[in-house]
Amino acid sequence: MTTRLFHTKMVEFLDEYQMYLLLVKSNENVVSHCTIIHEFINYIYNYHLVAGIEQITVSMANSKFYAFYTRKNKESITKEIMKEILKGFFIFLDGKHGIRNEKLIRGFGIGNVA
């Protein structure tokens, strides 16, 4: 898969995830969560040229993205909240589409989700 195709697929999955979140969270929380996830998708595309979920490392999803996000945005967010937001998206990808990165699963402390 190319980096462009992977980016497009991830954005499509985010749209689907957003519809799911609207069922369980307030609209304000959904917008906030999806904005962060969309920035993450763009970040891994623009700065790491990721062409598949297996290429995303734990440090990309945690410390590197957090540092990037906090430099770029004035909004303050804790590392723990950001981790939980990304973790929810990766759980969704695994549960709904069977798209899984074992290192991320362990790094986020998700355990056996399937």
PDB file of N, CA and C in Angstrom:
ATOM      1  N   MET A   1       0.853  -1.171   0.000  1.00  0.00           N
ATOM      2  CA  MET A   1       0.000   0.000   0.000  1.00  0.00           C
ATOM      3  C   MET A   1       0.904   1.242   0.000  1.00  0.00           C
ATOM      4  N   THR A   2       0.534   2.236  -0.740  1.00  0.00           N
ATOM      5  CA  THR A   2       1.300   3.480  -0.766  1.00  0.00           C
ATOM      6  C   THR A   2       0.947   4.352   0.438  1.00  0.00           C
ATOM      7  N   THR A   3       1.801   5.318   0.702  1.00  0.00           N
ATOM      8  CA  THR A   3       1.527   6.223   1.824  1.00  0.00           C
ATOM      9  C   THR A   3       0.245   7.014   1.583  1.00  0.00           C
ATOM     10  N   ARG A   4       0.016   7.418   0.356  1.00  0.00           N
ATOM     11  CA  ARG A   4      -1.189   8.191   0.007  1.00  0.00           C
ATOM     12  C   ARG A   4      -2.449   7.345   0.205  1.00  0.00           C
ATOM     13  N   LEU A   5      -2.417   6.109  -0.259  1.00  0.00           N
ATOM     14  CA  LEU A   5      -3.565   5.213  -0.107  1.00  0.00           C
ATOM     15  C   LEU A   5      -3.826   4.919   1.372  1.00  0.00           C
ATOM     16  N   PHE A   6      -2.753   4.700   2.136  1.00  0.00           N
ATOM     17  CA  PHE A   6      -2.911   4.446   3.568  1.00  0.00           C
ATOM     18  C   PHE A   6      -3.542   5.657   4.252  1.00  0.00           C
ATOM     19  N   HIS A   7      -3.083   6.841   3.913  1.00  0.00           N
ATOM     20  CA  HIS A   7      -3.637   8.070   4.479  1.00  0.00           C
ATOM     21  C   HIS A   7      -5.131   8.170   4.166  1.00  0.00           C
ATOM     22  N   THR A   8      -5.481   7.919   2.915  1.00  0.00           N
ATOM     23  CA  THR A   8      -6.889   7.987   2.499  1.00  0.00           C
ATOM     24  C   THR A   8      -7.732   6.980   3.275  1.00  0.00           C
ATOM     25  N   LYS A   9      -7.236   5.749   3.422  1.00  0.00           N
ATOM     26  CA  LYS A   9      -7.981   4.715   4.156  1.00  0.00           C
ATOM     27  C   LYS A   9      -8.148   5.107   5.622  1.00  0.00           C
ATOM     28  N   MET A  10      -7.096   5.663   6.218  1.00  0.00           N
ATOM     29  CA  MET A  10      -7.182   6.059   7.627  1.00  0.00           C
ATOM     30  C   MET A  10      -8.207   7.178   7.823  1.00  0.00           C
ATOM     31  N   VAL A  11      -8.260   8.107   6.893  1.00  0.00           N
ATOM     32  CA  VAL A  11      -9.260   9.188   6.981  1.00  0.00           C
ATOM     33  C   VAL A  11     -10.671   8.599   6.845  1.00  0.00           C
ATOM     34  N   GLU A  12     -10.843   7.621   5.957  1.00  0.00           N
ATOM     35  CA  GLU A  12     -12.147   6.953   5.828  1.00  0.00           C
ATOM     36  C   GLU A  12     -12.519   6.237   7.120  1.00  0.00           C
ATOM     37  N   PHE A  13     -11.547   5.562   7.735  1.00  0.00           N
ATOM     38  CA  PHE A  13     -11.810   4.889   9.011  1.00  0.00           C
ATOM     39  C   PHE A  13     -12.148   5.911  10.091  1.00  0.00           C
ATOM     40  N   LEU A  14     -11.510   7.070  10.051  1.00  0.00           N
ATOM     41  CA  LEU A  14     -11.814   8.119  11.021  1.00  0.00           C
ATOM     42  C   LEU A  14     -13.246   8.610  10.849  1.00  0.00           C
ATOM     43  N   ASP A  15     -13.693   8.762   9.615  1.00  0.00           N
ATOM     44  CA  ASP A  15     -15.088   9.170   9.380  1.00  0.00           C
ATOM     45  C   ASP A  15     -16.054   8.157   9.991  1.00  0.00           C
ATOM     46  N   GLU A  16     -15.740   6.896   9.819  1.00  0.00           N
ATOM     47  CA  GLU A  16     -16.576   5.832  10.390  1.00  0.00           C
ATOM     48  C   GLU A  16     -16.519   5.859  11.922  1.00  0.00           C
ATOM     49  N   TYR A  17     -15.323   6.063  12.465  1.00  0.00           N
ATOM     50  CA  TYR A  17     -15.142   6.146  13.911  1.00  0.00           C
ATOM     51  C   TYR A  17     -15.924   7.331  14.480  1.00  0.00           C
ATOM     52  N   GLN A  18     -15.931   8.440  13.745  1.00  0.00           N
ATOM     53  CA  GLN A  18     -16.671   9.616  14.185  1.00  0.00           C
ATOM     54  C   GLN A  18     -18.163   9.303  14.306  1.00  0.00           C
ATOM     55  N   MET A  19     -18.704   8.577  13.348  1.00  0.00           N
ATOM     56  CA  MET A  19     -20.122   8.195  13.414  1.00  0.00           C
ATOM     57  C   MET A  19     -20.388   7.329  14.646  1.00  0.00           C
ATOM     58  N   TYR A  20     -19.462   6.427  14.947  1.00  0.00           N
ATOM     59  CA  TYR A  20     -19.594   5.597  16.139  1.00  0.00           C
ATOM     60  C   TYR A  20     -19.548   6.464  17.403  1.00  0.00           C
ATOM     61  N   LEU A  21     -18.575   7.368  17.459  1.00  0.00           N
ATOM     62  CA  LEU A  21     -18.434   8.212  18.645  1.00  0.00           C
ATOM     63  C   LEU A  21     -19.659   9.078  18.901  1.00  0.00           C
ATOM     64  N   LEU A  22     -20.315   9.520  17.834  1.00  0.00           N
ATOM     65  CA  LEU A  22     -21.509  10.349  17.997  1.00  0.00           C
ATOM     66  C   LEU A  22     -22.617   9.610  18.747  1.00  0.00           C
ATOM     67  N   LEU A  23     -22.560   8.289  18.735  1.00  0.00           N
ATOM     68  CA  LEU A  23     -23.549   7.486  19.459  1.00  0.00           C
ATOM     69  C   LEU A  23     -23.259   7.409  20.955  1.00  0.00           C
ATOM     70  N   VAL A  24     -21.985   7.621  21.337  1.00  0.00           N
ATOM     71  CA  VAL A  24     -21.607   7.383  22.731  1.00  0.00           C
ATOM     72  C   VAL A  24     -21.020   8.596  23.449  1.00  0.00           C
ATOM     73  N   LYS A  25     -20.725   9.677  22.731  1.00  0.00           N
ATOM     74  CA  LYS A  25     -20.118  10.852  23.348  1.00  0.00           C
ATOM     75  C   LYS A  25     -20.849  12.118  22.912  1.00  0.00           C
ATOM     76  N   SER A  26     -20.588  13.203  23.622  1.00  0.00           N
ATOM     77  CA  SER A  26     -21.177  14.487  23.239  1.00  0.00           C
ATOM     78  C   SER A  26     -20.516  14.978  21.958  1.00  0.00           C
ATOM     79  N   ASN A  27     -21.232  15.801  21.239  1.00  0.00           N
ATOM     80  CA  ASN A  27     -20.727  16.337  19.970  1.00  0.00           C
ATOM     81  C   ASN A  27     -19.392  17.069  20.162  1.00  0.00           C
ATOM     82  N   GLU A  28     -19.281  17.818  21.254  1.00  0.00           N
ATOM     83  CA  GLU A  28     -18.045  18.558  21.538  1.00  0.00           C
ATOM     84  C   GLU A  28     -16.861  17.606  21.721  1.00  0.00           C
ATOM     85  N   ASN A  29     -17.063  16.530  22.461  1.00  0.00           N
ATOM     86  CA  ASN A  29     -15.998  15.545  22.657  1.00  0.00           C
ATOM     87  C   ASN A  29     -15.631  14.854  21.357  1.00  0.00           C
ATOM     88  N   VAL A  30     -16.627  14.550  20.538  1.00  0.00           N
ATOM     89  CA  VAL A  30     -16.380  13.881  19.259  1.00  0.00           C
ATOM     90  C   VAL A  30     -15.510  14.765  18.371  1.00  0.00           C
ATOM     91  N   VAL A  31     -15.842  16.034  18.295  1.00  0.00           N
ATOM     92  CA  VAL A  31     -15.064  16.964  17.463  1.00  0.00           C
ATOM     93  C   VAL A  31     -13.631  17.043  17.976  1.00  0.00           C
ATOM     94  N   SER A  32     -13.469  17.172  19.261  1.00  0.00           N
ATOM     95  CA  SER A  32     -12.140  17.260  19.862  1.00  0.00           C
ATOM     96  C   SER A  32     -11.318  15.998  19.577  1.00  0.00           C
ATOM     97  N   HIS A  33     -11.909  14.835  19.821  1.00  0.00           N
ATOM     98  CA  HIS A  33     -11.214  13.560  19.599  1.00  0.00           C
ATOM     99  C   HIS A  33     -10.841  13.392  18.132  1.00  0.00           C
ATOM    100  N   CYS A  34     -11.777  13.634  17.263  1.00  0.00           N
ATOM    101  CA  CYS A  34     -11.534  13.408  15.834  1.00  0.00           C
ATOM    102  C   CYS A  34     -10.536  14.405  15.256  1.00  0.00           C
ATOM    103  N   THR A  35     -10.505  15.611  15.796  1.00  0.00           N
ATOM    104  CA  THR A  35      -9.518  16.592  15.362  1.00  0.00           C
ATOM    105  C   THR A  35      -8.111  16.107  15.699  1.00  0.00           C
ATOM    106  N   ILE A  36      -7.938  15.594  16.894  1.00  0.00           N
ATOM    107  CA  ILE A  36      -6.631  15.077  17.316  1.00  0.00           C
ATOM    108  C   ILE A  36      -6.238  13.869  16.474  1.00  0.00           C
ATOM    109  N   ILE A  37      -7.164  12.960  16.247  1.00  0.00           N
ATOM    110  CA  ILE A  37      -6.863  11.768  15.447  1.00  0.00           C
ATOM    111  C   ILE A  37      -6.538  12.164  14.010  1.00  0.00           C
ATOM    112  N   HIS A  38      -7.259  13.126  13.469  1.00  0.00           N
ATOM    113  CA  HIS A  38      -6.986  13.581  12.103  1.00  0.00           C
ATOM    114  C   HIS A  38      -5.587  14.197  12.020  1.00  0.00           C
ATOM    115  N   GLU A  39      -5.217  14.960  13.034  1.00  0.00           N
ATOM    116  CA  GLU A  39      -3.858  15.526  13.069  1.00  0.00           C
ATOM    117  C   GLU A  39      -2.825  14.407  13.145  1.00  0.00           C
ATOM    118  N   PHE A  40      -3.120  13.361  13.897  1.00  0.00           N
ATOM    119  CA  PHE A  40      -2.196  12.227  13.988  1.00  0.00           C
ATOM    120  C   PHE A  40      -2.045  11.550  12.626  1.00  0.00           C
ATOM    121  N   ILE A  41      -3.143  11.327  11.941  1.00  0.00           N
ATOM    122  CA  ILE A  41      -3.101  10.701  10.615  1.00  0.00           C
ATOM    123  C   ILE A  41      -2.253  11.550   9.661  1.00  0.00           C
ATOM    124  N   ASN A  42      -2.467  12.855   9.685  1.00  0.00           N
ATOM    125  CA  ASN A  42      -1.661  13.742   8.834  1.00  0.00           C
ATOM    126  C   ASN A  42      -0.195  13.738   9.264  1.00  0.00           C
ATOM    127  N   TYR A  43       0.043  13.689  10.554  1.00  0.00           N
ATOM    128  CA  TYR A  43       1.410  13.664  11.091  1.00  0.00           C
ATOM    129  C   TYR A  43       2.171  12.428  10.604  1.00  0.00           C
ATOM    130  N   ILE A  44       1.572  11.259  10.719  1.00  0.00           N
ATOM    131  CA  ILE A  44       2.305  10.062  10.286  1.00  0.00           C
ATOM    132  C   ILE A  44       2.485  10.035   8.776  1.00  0.00           C
ATOM    133  N   TYR A  45       1.583  10.665   8.051  1.00  0.00           N
ATOM    134  CA  TYR A  45       1.714  10.753   6.593  1.00  0.00           C
ATOM    135  C   TYR A  45       2.804  11.753   6.195  1.00  0.00           C
ATOM    136  N   ASN A  46       2.761  12.937   6.771  1.00  0.00           N
ATOM    137  CA  ASN A  46       3.681  14.007   6.372  1.00  0.00           C
ATOM    138  C   ASN A  46       5.093  13.863   6.923  1.00  0.00           C
ATOM    139  N   TYR A  47       5.234  13.316   8.110  1.00  0.00           N
ATOM    140  CA  TYR A  47       6.548  13.288   8.746  1.00  0.00           C
ATOM    141  C   TYR A  47       7.192  11.910   8.811  1.00  0.00           C
ATOM    142  N   HIS A  48       6.422  10.867   8.609  1.00  0.00           N
ATOM    143  CA  HIS A  48       6.986   9.521   8.716  1.00  0.00           C
ATOM    144  C   HIS A  48       6.720   8.664   7.483  1.00  0.00           C
ATOM    145  N   LEU A  49       5.939   9.155   6.538  1.00  0.00           N
ATOM    146  CA  LEU A  49       5.642   8.430   5.297  1.00  0.00           C
ATOM    147  C   LEU A  49       5.218   6.991   5.552  1.00  0.00           C
ATOM    148  N   VAL A  50       4.279   6.826   6.464  1.00  0.00           N
ATOM    149  CA  VAL A  50       3.776   5.515   6.840  1.00  0.00           C
ATOM    150  C   VAL A  50       2.844   4.987   5.748  1.00  0.00           C
ATOM    151  N   ALA A  51       3.085   3.739   5.342  1.00  0.00           N
ATOM    152  CA  ALA A  51       2.270   3.123   4.291  1.00  0.00           C
ATOM    153  C   ALA A  51       1.437   1.959   4.822  1.00  0.00           C
ATOM    154  N   GLY A  52       1.484   1.713   6.118  1.00  0.00           N
ATOM    155  CA  GLY A  52       0.701   0.641   6.725  1.00  0.00           C
ATOM    156  C   GLY A  52       0.736   0.765   8.230  1.00  0.00           C
ATOM    157  N   ILE A  53      -0.277   0.256   8.883  1.00  0.00           N
ATOM    158  CA  ILE A  53      -0.383   0.407  10.344  1.00  0.00           C
ATOM    159  C   ILE A  53       0.783  -0.254  11.065  1.00  0.00           C
ATOM    160  N   GLU A  54       1.336  -1.303  10.484  1.00  0.00           N
ATOM    161  CA  GLU A  54       2.450  -1.998  11.127  1.00  0.00           C
ATOM    162  C   GLU A  54       3.706  -1.127  11.185  1.00  0.00           C
ATOM    163  N   GLN A  55       3.768  -0.050  10.423  1.00  0.00           N
ATOM    164  CA  GLN A  55       4.921   0.847  10.425  1.00  0.00           C
ATOM    165  C   GLN A  55       4.840   1.934  11.497  1.00  0.00           C
ATOM    166  N   ILE A  56       3.703   2.045  12.150  1.00  0.00           N
ATOM    167  CA  ILE A  56       3.544   3.050  13.207  1.00  0.00           C
ATOM    168  C   ILE A  56       4.171   2.498  14.479  1.00  0.00           C
ATOM    169  N   THR A  57       5.138   3.246  15.022  1.00  0.00           N
ATOM    170  CA  THR A  57       5.792   2.812  16.255  1.00  0.00           C
ATOM    171  C   THR A  57       5.086   3.427  17.458  1.00  0.00           C
ATOM    172  N   VAL A  58       5.355   2.859  18.621  1.00  0.00           N
ATOM    173  CA  VAL A  58       4.775   3.380  19.851  1.00  0.00           C
ATOM    174  C   VAL A  58       5.247   4.814  20.089  1.00  0.00           C
ATOM    175  N   SER A  59       6.507   5.093  19.826  1.00  0.00           N
ATOM    176  CA  SER A  59       7.010   6.459  20.050  1.00  0.00           C
ATOM    177  C   SER A  59       6.378   7.456  19.083  1.00  0.00           C
ATOM    178  N   MET A  60       6.068   7.030  17.861  1.00  0.00           N
ATOM    179  CA  MET A  60       5.364   7.919  16.929  1.00  0.00           C
ATOM    180  C   MET A  60       4.000   8.293  17.480  1.00  0.00           C
ATOM    181  N   ALA A  61       3.314   7.323  18.035  1.00  0.00           N
ATOM    182  CA  ALA A  61       1.949   7.535  18.527  1.00  0.00           C
ATOM    183  C   ALA A  61       1.917   8.184  19.907  1.00  0.00           C
ATOM    184  N   ASN A  62       3.012   8.126  20.626  1.00  0.00           N
ATOM    185  CA  ASN A  62       3.030   8.719  21.970  1.00  0.00           C
ATOM    186  C   ASN A  62       3.858   9.986  22.004  1.00  0.00           C
ATOM    187  N   SER A  63       5.111   9.867  22.344  1.00  0.00           N
ATOM    188  CA  SER A  63       5.937  11.045  22.620  1.00  0.00           C
ATOM    189  C   SER A  63       6.191  11.931  21.410  1.00  0.00           C
ATOM    190  N   LYS A  64       6.471  11.356  20.255  1.00  0.00           N
ATOM    191  CA  LYS A  64       6.771  12.185  19.083  1.00  0.00           C
ATOM    192  C   LYS A  64       5.540  12.982  18.636  1.00  0.00           C
ATOM    193  N   PHE A  65       4.387  12.327  18.574  1.00  0.00           N
ATOM    194  CA  PHE A  65       3.181  13.048  18.173  1.00  0.00           C
ATOM    195  C   PHE A  65       2.780  14.066  19.236  1.00  0.00           C
ATOM    196  N   TYR A  66       2.901  13.705  20.497  1.00  0.00           N
ATOM    197  CA  TYR A  66       2.542  14.640  21.565  1.00  0.00           C
ATOM    198  C   TYR A  66       3.393  15.911  21.477  1.00  0.00           C
ATOM    199  N   ALA A  67       4.697  15.746  21.270  1.00  0.00           N
ATOM    200  CA  ALA A  67       5.590  16.905  21.147  1.00  0.00           C
ATOM    201  C   ALA A  67       5.207  17.746  19.928  1.00  0.00           C
ATOM    202  N   PHE A  68       4.927  17.090  18.821  1.00  0.00           N
ATOM    203  CA  PHE A  68       4.512  17.792  17.607  1.00  0.00           C
ATOM    204  C   PHE A  68       3.210  18.557  17.851  1.00  0.00           C
ATOM    205  N   TYR A  69       2.227  17.885  18.433  1.00  0.00           N
ATOM    206  CA  TYR A  69       0.909  18.479  18.640  1.00  0.00           C
ATOM    207  C   TYR A  69       0.986  19.687  19.570  1.00  0.00           C
ATOM    208  N   THR A  70       1.715  19.568  20.661  1.00  0.00           N
ATOM    209  CA  THR A  70       1.772  20.668  21.622  1.00  0.00           C
ATOM    210  C   THR A  70       2.550  21.861  21.072  1.00  0.00           C
ATOM    211  N   ARG A  71       3.524  21.614  20.192  1.00  0.00           N
ATOM    212  CA  ARG A  71       4.223  22.732  19.548  1.00  0.00           C
ATOM    213  C   ARG A  71       3.314  23.472  18.575  1.00  0.00           C
ATOM    214  N   LYS A  72       2.459  22.723  17.889  1.00  0.00           N
ATOM    215  CA  LYS A  72       1.623  23.277  16.829  1.00  0.00           C
ATOM    216  C   LYS A  72       0.334  23.924  17.360  1.00  0.00           C
ATOM    217  N   ASN A  73      -0.198  23.440  18.450  1.00  0.00           N
ATOM    218  CA  ASN A  73      -1.499  23.882  18.956  1.00  0.00           C
ATOM    219  C   ASN A  73      -1.359  24.574  20.310  1.00  0.00           C
ATOM    220  N   LYS A  74      -2.128  25.618  20.494  1.00  0.00           N
ATOM    221  CA  LYS A  74      -2.121  26.334  21.763  1.00  0.00           C
ATOM    222  C   LYS A  74      -2.943  25.602  22.825  1.00  0.00           C
ATOM    223  N   GLU A  75      -3.849  24.756  22.365  1.00  0.00           N
ATOM    224  CA  GLU A  75      -4.706  23.992  23.271  1.00  0.00           C
ATOM    225  C   GLU A  75      -3.837  23.067  24.129  1.00  0.00           C
ATOM    226  N   SER A  76      -4.074  23.084  25.435  1.00  0.00           N
ATOM    227  CA  SER A  76      -3.305  22.191  26.301  1.00  0.00           C
ATOM    228  C   SER A  76      -4.048  20.878  26.474  1.00  0.00           C
ATOM    229  N   ILE A  77      -3.287  19.815  26.361  1.00  0.00           N
ATOM    230  CA  ILE A  77      -3.835  18.472  26.525  1.00  0.00           C
ATOM    231  C   ILE A  77      -2.755  17.638  27.192  1.00  0.00           C
ATOM    232  N   THR A  78      -3.163  16.788  28.098  1.00  0.00           N
ATOM    233  CA  THR A  78      -2.165  15.948  28.760  1.00  0.00           C
ATOM    234  C   THR A  78      -1.793  14.771  27.866  1.00  0.00           C
ATOM    235  N   LYS A  79      -0.632  14.245  28.123  1.00  0.00           N
ATOM    236  CA  LYS A  79      -0.149  13.082  27.373  1.00  0.00           C
ATOM    237  C   LYS A  79      -1.101  11.898  27.573  1.00  0.00           C
ATOM    238  N   GLU A  80      -1.631  11.769  28.783  1.00  0.00           N
ATOM    239  CA  GLU A  80      -2.523  10.659  29.099  1.00  0.00           C
ATOM    240  C   GLU A  80      -3.831  10.742  28.316  1.00  0.00           C
ATOM    241  N   ILE A  81      -4.384  11.945  28.208  1.00  0.00           N
ATOM    242  CA  ILE A  81      -5.637  12.115  27.448  1.00  0.00           C
ATOM    243  C   ILE A  81      -5.398  11.826  25.975  1.00  0.00           C
ATOM    244  N   MET A  82      -4.293  12.345  25.439  1.00  0.00           N
ATOM    245  CA  MET A  82      -3.992  12.088  24.034  1.00  0.00           C
ATOM    246  C   MET A  82      -3.825  10.587  23.786  1.00  0.00           C
ATOM    247  N   LYS A  83      -3.146   9.914  24.704  1.00  0.00           N
ATOM    248  CA  LYS A  83      -2.949   8.465  24.581  1.00  0.00           C
ATOM    249  C   LYS A  83      -4.291   7.743  24.572  1.00  0.00           C
ATOM    250  N   GLU A  84      -5.205   8.153  25.436  1.00  0.00           N
ATOM    251  CA  GLU A  84      -6.530   7.523  25.500  1.00  0.00           C
ATOM    252  C   GLU A  84      -7.323   7.759  24.214  1.00  0.00           C
ATOM    253  N   ILE A  85      -7.202   8.951  23.644  1.00  0.00           N
ATOM    254  CA  ILE A  85      -7.913   9.260  22.400  1.00  0.00           C
ATOM    255  C   ILE A  85      -7.400   8.380  21.264  1.00  0.00           C
ATOM    256  N   LEU A  86      -6.072   8.294  21.111  1.00  0.00           N
ATOM    257  CA  LEU A  86      -5.496   7.457  20.059  1.00  0.00           C
ATOM    258  C   LEU A  86      -5.767   5.974  20.320  1.00  0.00           C
ATOM    259  N   LYS A  87      -5.702   5.593  21.570  1.00  0.00           N
ATOM    260  CA  LYS A  87      -5.967   4.206  21.958  1.00  0.00           C
ATOM    261  C   LYS A  87      -7.377   3.792  21.521  1.00  0.00           C
ATOM    262  N   GLY A  88      -8.359   4.654  21.735  1.00  0.00           N
ATOM    263  CA  GLY A  88      -9.736   4.355  21.333  1.00  0.00           C
ATOM    264  C   GLY A  88      -9.844   4.119  19.836  1.00  0.00           C
ATOM    265  N   PHE A  89      -9.131   4.917  19.049  1.00  0.00           N
ATOM    266  CA  PHE A  89      -9.150   4.758  17.593  1.00  0.00           C
ATOM    267  C   PHE A  89      -8.511   3.436  17.184  1.00  0.00           C
ATOM    268  N   PHE A  90      -7.394   3.074  17.809  1.00  0.00           N
ATOM    269  CA  PHE A  90      -6.735   1.810  17.465  1.00  0.00           C
ATOM    270  C   PHE A  90      -7.559   0.598  17.906  1.00  0.00           C
ATOM    271  N   ILE A  91      -8.269   0.728  19.010  1.00  0.00           N
ATOM    272  CA  ILE A  91      -9.178  -0.347  19.437  1.00  0.00           C
ATOM    273  C   ILE A  91     -10.292  -0.509  18.409  1.00  0.00           C
ATOM    274  N   PHE A  92     -10.831   0.610  17.933  1.00  0.00           N
ATOM    275  CA  PHE A  92     -11.866   0.584  16.901  1.00  0.00           C
ATOM    276  C   PHE A  92     -11.344  -0.101  15.638  1.00  0.00           C
ATOM    277  N   LEU A  93     -10.155   0.287  15.174  1.00  0.00           N
ATOM    278  CA  LEU A  93      -9.585  -0.322  13.964  1.00  0.00           C
ATOM    279  C   LEU A  93      -9.418  -1.825  14.122  1.00  0.00           C
ATOM    280  N   ASP A  94      -8.965  -2.234  15.291  1.00  0.00           N
ATOM    281  CA  ASP A  94      -8.765  -3.665  15.542  1.00  0.00           C
ATOM    282  C   ASP A  94     -10.097  -4.398  15.621  1.00  0.00           C
ATOM    283  N   GLY A  95     -11.018  -3.877  16.398  1.00  0.00           N
ATOM    284  CA  GLY A  95     -12.292  -4.553  16.606  1.00  0.00           C
ATOM    285  C   GLY A  95     -13.196  -4.560  15.386  1.00  0.00           C
ATOM    286  N   LYS A  96     -13.259  -3.445  14.681  1.00  0.00           N
ATOM    287  CA  LYS A  96     -14.181  -3.308  13.556  1.00  0.00           C
ATOM    288  C   LYS A  96     -13.610  -3.820  12.238  1.00  0.00           C
ATOM    289  N   HIS A  97     -12.300  -3.599  12.033  1.00  0.00           N
ATOM    290  CA  HIS A  97     -11.705  -3.911  10.733  1.00  0.00           C
ATOM    291  C   HIS A  97     -10.581  -4.945  10.803  1.00  0.00           C
ATOM    292  N   GLY A  98     -10.227  -5.381  11.995  1.00  0.00           N
ATOM    293  CA  GLY A  98      -9.145  -6.358  12.135  1.00  0.00           C
ATOM    294  C   GLY A  98      -7.788  -5.790  11.756  1.00  0.00           C
ATOM    295  N   ILE A  99      -7.660  -4.477  11.792  1.00  0.00           N
ATOM    296  CA  ILE A  99      -6.390  -3.820  11.484  1.00  0.00           C
ATOM    297  C   ILE A  99      -5.658  -3.638  12.802  1.00  0.00           C
ATOM    298  N   ARG A 100      -4.502  -4.292  12.904  1.00  0.00           N
ATOM    299  CA  ARG A 100      -3.835  -4.367  14.200  1.00  0.00           C
ATOM    300  C   ARG A 100      -2.334  -4.212  14.061  1.00  0.00           C
ATOM    301  N   ASN A 101      -1.745  -3.509  15.008  1.00  0.00           N
ATOM    302  CA  ASN A 101      -0.304  -3.382  15.139  1.00  0.00           C
ATOM    303  C   ASN A 101       0.029  -3.889  16.536  1.00  0.00           C
ATOM    304  N   GLU A 102       0.653  -5.044  16.613  1.00  0.00           N
ATOM    305  CA  GLU A 102       0.921  -5.682  17.908  1.00  0.00           C
ATOM    306  C   GLU A 102       1.750  -4.796  18.836  1.00  0.00           C
ATOM    307  N   LYS A 103       2.725  -4.075  18.284  1.00  0.00           N
ATOM    308  CA  LYS A 103       3.564  -3.211  19.124  1.00  0.00           C
ATOM    309  C   LYS A 103       2.730  -2.077  19.729  1.00  0.00           C
ATOM    310  N   LEU A 104       1.820  -1.512  18.941  1.00  0.00           N
ATOM    311  CA  LEU A 104       0.950  -0.463  19.478  1.00  0.00           C
ATOM    312  C   LEU A 104       0.004  -1.019  20.532  1.00  0.00           C
ATOM    313  N   ILE A 105      -0.507  -2.207  20.282  1.00  0.00           N
ATOM    314  CA  ILE A 105      -1.413  -2.851  21.239  1.00  0.00           C
ATOM    315  C   ILE A 105      -0.717  -2.974  22.595  1.00  0.00           C
ATOM    316  N   ARG A 106       0.514  -3.490  22.576  1.00  0.00           N
ATOM    317  CA  ARG A 106       1.273  -3.632  23.822  1.00  0.00           C
ATOM    318  C   ARG A 106       1.655  -2.269  24.394  1.00  0.00           C
ATOM    319  N   GLY A 107       2.085  -1.353  23.528  1.00  0.00           N
ATOM    320  CA  GLY A 107       2.514  -0.027  23.976  1.00  0.00           C
ATOM    321  C   GLY A 107       1.408   0.777  24.627  1.00  0.00           C
ATOM    322  N   PHE A 108       0.191   0.607  24.139  1.00  0.00           N
ATOM    323  CA  PHE A 108      -0.950   1.298  24.718  1.00  0.00           C
ATOM    324  C   PHE A 108      -1.561   0.513  25.882  1.00  0.00           C
ATOM    325  N   GLY A 109      -1.047  -0.686  26.106  1.00  0.00           N
ATOM    326  CA  GLY A 109      -1.567  -1.497  27.195  1.00  0.00           C
ATOM    327  C   GLY A 109      -2.984  -1.974  26.940  1.00  0.00           C
ATOM    328  N   ILE A 110      -3.311  -2.196  25.654  1.00  0.00           N
ATOM    329  CA  ILE A 110      -4.666  -2.590  25.296  1.00  0.00           C
ATOM    330  C   ILE A 110      -4.940  -4.037  25.644  1.00  0.00           C
ATOM    331  N   GLY A 111      -3.975  -4.903  25.478  1.00  0.00           N
ATOM    332  CA  GLY A 111      -4.193  -6.317  25.742  1.00  0.00           C
ATOM    333  C   GLY A 111      -4.854  -7.009  24.588  1.00  0.00           C
ATOM    334  N   ASN A 112      -5.577  -8.062  24.846  1.00  0.00           N
ATOM    335  CA  ASN A 112      -6.222  -8.845  23.789  1.00  0.00           C
ATOM    336  C   ASN A 112      -7.589  -8.276  23.506  1.00  0.00           C
ATOM    337  N   VAL A 113      -7.701  -7.560  22.384  1.00  0.00           N
ATOM    338  CA  VAL A 113      -8.954  -6.879  22.046  1.00  0.00           C
ATOM    339  C   VAL A 113      -9.807  -7.724  21.124  1.00  0.00           C
ATOM    340  N   ALA A 114      -9.184  -8.481  20.271  1.00  0.00           N
ATOM    341  CA  ALA A 114      -9.901  -9.222  19.220  1.00  0.00           C
ATOM    342  C   ALA A 114     -10.921 -10.127  19.744  1.00  0.00           C
TER     343      ALA A 114
END
